[in-house]
Amino acid sequence: MKRKILIVDDEPANLRALERLFRDEYEVLTATSGVEALASLEHHDVALLISDQRMPEMTGIELVERTVALRPHMVRILLTGYTDVSSLIEAINCGHVYKYITKPWNNEDLAITVSRALAHYDAVKTRHSLKMVNDRLRARLNEIAELATADGPEARLGPALRERQLDLVSPN
């Protein structure tokens, strides 16, 4: 299954160029505004957002900030020919922006960046899935430990099981 990337730019020529660059490897969605991008994100599980910074109505940074709650694991790249350095630094430092790329871009460099961004996305999703599994296992282990330490014939297993539980739960 192809991963989805969403490209947002108010300039149709840029949208077409980026779509041509990525359509063979990825499922490419496009939007001409931040509002349109947010609507698209409501319906699609997008792995990567590439957004122009300077657009009417909503800047790329504003879009990125609004997507964090909607798609927390999605990787975000800003693409622009203009710089509002303080906003850009804030977005990057908050962890909302994976990379900032200037226009005009180099197709090969951008393709490599997208590939790395999607590898990062995969790692983040895997880490999140593993954390969820670990949390469920810890909860189940606590239930078992409580049952084992209850009064009854199996009470003698309690101390050994509790010791093993602490070994499994304690972070390394």
Protein backbone atom coordinates (compact mmCIF):
# COMPACT_ATOMS: atom_id res chain seq x y z
CA MET A 1 0.00 0.00 0.00
CA LYS A 2 1.34 3.40 -0.97
CA ARG A 3 1.79 5.92 1.84
CA LYS A 4 -0.16 9.14 1.50
CA ILE A 5 1.46 12.53 1.29
CA LEU A 6 -0.43 15.80 1.24
CA ILE A 7 1.05 18.74 -0.64
CA VAL A 8 -0.32 22.20 0.10
CA ASP A 9 0.52 25.24 -2.01
CA ASP A 10 -1.54 28.10 -3.37
CA GLU A 11 0.48 28.06 -6.61
CA PRO A 12 -0.94 25.44 -9.02
CA ALA A 13 2.38 25.09 -10.88
CA ASN A 14 4.15 24.05 -7.66
CA LEU A 15 1.39 21.55 -6.85
CA ARG A 16 1.66 19.98 -10.30
CA ALA A 17 5.47 19.80 -10.16
CA LEU A 18 5.48 18.18 -6.72
CA GLU A 19 2.68 15.79 -7.62
CA ARG A 20 4.62 14.64 -10.72
CA LEU A 21 7.73 14.17 -8.61
CA PHE A 22 6.05 11.88 -6.06
CA ARG A 23 3.05 10.22 -7.74
CA ASP A 24 4.92 7.06 -8.80
CA GLU A 25 6.00 6.17 -5.25
CA TYR A 26 3.26 7.65 -3.08
CA GLU A 27 -0.43 8.40 -3.08
CA VAL A 28 -0.36 12.17 -3.51
CA LEU A 29 -3.15 14.40 -2.26
CA THR A 30 -3.10 18.11 -3.01
CA ALA A 31 -4.71 21.19 -1.51
CA THR A 32 -4.54 24.85 -2.50
CA SER A 33 -5.13 26.21 1.01
CA GLY A 34 -4.76 25.38 4.67
CA VAL A 35 -8.52 25.05 5.06
CA GLU A 36 -8.68 22.57 2.18
CA ALA A 37 -5.73 20.64 3.67
CA LEU A 38 -7.42 20.37 7.07
CA ALA A 39 -10.58 19.04 5.42
CA SER A 40 -8.52 16.45 3.56
CA LEU A 41 -6.77 15.40 6.78
CA GLU A 42 -10.18 14.72 8.34
CA HIS A 43 -10.71 11.92 5.79
CA HIS A 44 -7.22 10.61 5.01
CA ASP A 45 -4.50 9.03 7.14
CA VAL A 46 -1.58 11.06 5.78
CA ALA A 47 2.01 10.16 6.63
CA LEU A 48 3.65 13.36 5.35
CA LEU A 49 2.57 16.96 4.88
CA ILE A 50 4.55 19.25 2.59
CA SER A 51 3.26 22.79 2.87
CA ASP A 52 4.20 26.14 1.43
CA GLN A 53 4.79 28.67 4.18
CA ARG A 54 3.36 31.77 2.59
CA MET A 55 -0.27 31.29 1.56
CA PRO A 56 -3.34 33.52 1.87
CA GLU A 57 -5.65 33.02 4.87
CA MET A 58 -3.38 30.55 6.72
CA THR A 59 0.42 30.28 6.73
CA GLY A 60 2.19 26.95 6.54
CA ILE A 61 3.23 27.24 10.19
CA GLU A 62 -0.38 27.91 11.23
CA LEU A 63 -1.46 24.86 9.22
CA VAL A 64 1.26 22.72 10.80
CA GLU A 65 0.23 23.79 14.30
CA ARG A 66 -3.42 22.97 13.59
CA THR A 67 -2.54 19.50 12.26
CA VAL A 68 -0.70 18.36 15.39
CA ALA A 69 -3.87 17.42 17.28
CA LEU A 70 -5.51 15.97 14.17
CA ARG A 71 -2.58 13.81 12.96
CA PRO A 72 0.03 13.71 15.76
CA HIS A 73 2.35 11.21 14.06
CA MET A 74 2.31 12.86 10.65
CA VAL A 75 5.66 14.32 9.58
CA ARG A 76 5.63 17.96 8.41
CA ILE A 77 7.89 19.75 5.95
CA LEU A 78 7.71 23.47 5.19
CA LEU A 79 8.62 24.67 1.73
CA THR A 80 9.07 28.38 1.08
CA GLY A 81 10.95 31.11 -0.69
CA TYR A 82 10.37 33.54 2.16
CA THR A 83 11.47 33.43 5.75
CA ASP A 84 9.87 34.50 8.98
CA VAL A 85 12.79 33.22 11.00
CA SER A 86 11.30 33.54 14.49
CA SER A 87 8.09 31.65 13.60
CA LEU A 88 10.06 29.00 11.75
CA ILE A 89 12.48 28.47 14.63
CA GLU A 90 9.57 28.20 17.07
CA ALA A 91 7.79 25.61 14.90
CA ILE A 92 10.95 23.54 14.51
CA ASN A 93 11.87 23.77 18.20
CA CYS A 94 8.37 22.67 19.23
CA GLY A 95 8.86 19.55 17.13
CA HIS A 96 6.08 20.39 14.72
CA VAL A 97 8.30 20.76 11.64
CA TYR A 98 10.61 17.96 10.51
CA LYS A 99 12.47 20.05 7.94
CA TYR A 100 12.43 23.45 6.28
CA ILE A 101 13.24 23.54 2.54
CA THR A 102 13.78 26.66 0.49
CA LYS A 103 12.39 27.36 -2.98
CA PRO A 104 13.50 26.67 -5.58
CA TRP A 105 14.05 23.10 -4.43
CA ASN A 106 16.28 20.45 -5.93
CA ASN A 107 14.16 17.42 -6.92
CA GLU A 108 16.76 14.85 -5.88
CA ASP A 109 17.37 16.49 -2.51
CA LEU A 110 13.64 16.81 -1.88
CA ALA A 111 13.06 13.15 -2.81
CA ILE A 112 15.76 12.09 -0.34
CA THR A 113 14.26 14.32 2.36
CA VAL A 114 10.80 12.84 1.76
CA SER A 115 12.20 9.31 1.95
CA ARG A 116 13.93 10.10 5.25
CA ALA A 117 10.83 11.84 6.59
CA LEU A 118 8.74 8.75 5.85
CA ALA A 119 11.33 6.52 7.53
CA HIS A 120 11.01 8.82 10.55
CA TYR A 121 7.21 8.48 10.35
CA ASP A 122 7.52 4.69 10.32
CA ALA A 123 9.80 4.77 13.36
CA VAL A 124 7.44 7.06 15.30
CA LYS A 125 4.42 4.89 14.46
CA THR A 126 6.28 1.72 15.45
CA ARG A 127 7.44 3.26 18.73
CA HIS A 128 3.88 4.36 19.50
CA SER A 129 2.49 0.87 18.72
CA LEU A 130 5.13 -0.78 20.90
CA LYS A 131 4.38 1.60 23.75
CA MET A 132 0.68 0.74 23.55
CA VAL A 133 1.47 -2.99 23.61
CA ASN A 134 3.84 -2.52 26.56
CA ASP A 135 1.21 -0.54 28.46
CA ARG A 136 -1.37 -3.30 27.92
CA LEU A 137 1.13 -5.96 28.99
CA ARG A 138 2.05 -4.02 32.14
CA ALA A 139 -1.61 -3.67 33.05
CA ARG A 140 -2.20 -7.38 32.51
CA LEU A 141 0.91 -8.27 34.51
CA ASN A 142 -0.32 -6.10 37.39
CA GLU A 143 -3.67 -7.92 37.29
CA ILE A 144 -1.91 -11.29 37.41
CA ALA A 145 0.34 -10.14 40.27
CA GLU A 146 -2.67 -8.98 42.28
CA LEU A 147 -4.37 -12.33 41.76
CA ALA A 148 -1.21 -14.22 42.69
CA THR A 149 -0.66 -12.28 45.90
CA ALA A 150 -4.26 -12.73 47.07
CA ASP A 151 -4.92 -15.03 50.00
CA GLY A 152 -5.37 -18.60 48.84
CA PRO A 153 -3.46 -21.67 47.76
CA GLU A 154 -1.47 -19.80 45.16
CA ALA A 155 -0.34 -17.11 47.62
CA ARG A 156 3.08 -18.72 47.86
CA LEU A 157 3.72 -17.64 44.23
CA GLY A 158 3.19 -14.00 45.18
CA PRO A 159 6.73 -12.90 46.18
CA ALA A 160 8.42 -14.62 43.23
CA LEU A 161 5.87 -13.23 40.78
CA ARG A 162 6.11 -9.74 42.28
CA GLU A 163 9.91 -9.85 41.93
CA ARG A 164 9.60 -10.94 38.28
CA GLN A 165 7.03 -8.20 37.67
CA LEU A 166 9.42 -5.55 38.98
CA ASP A 167 12.13 -6.89 36.67
CA LEU A 168 9.82 -6.58 33.66
CA VAL A 169 8.36 -3.18 34.55
CA SER A 170 11.50 -1.33 35.59
CA PRO A 171 12.96 0.70 32.68
CA ASN A 172 16.51 0.01 31.53
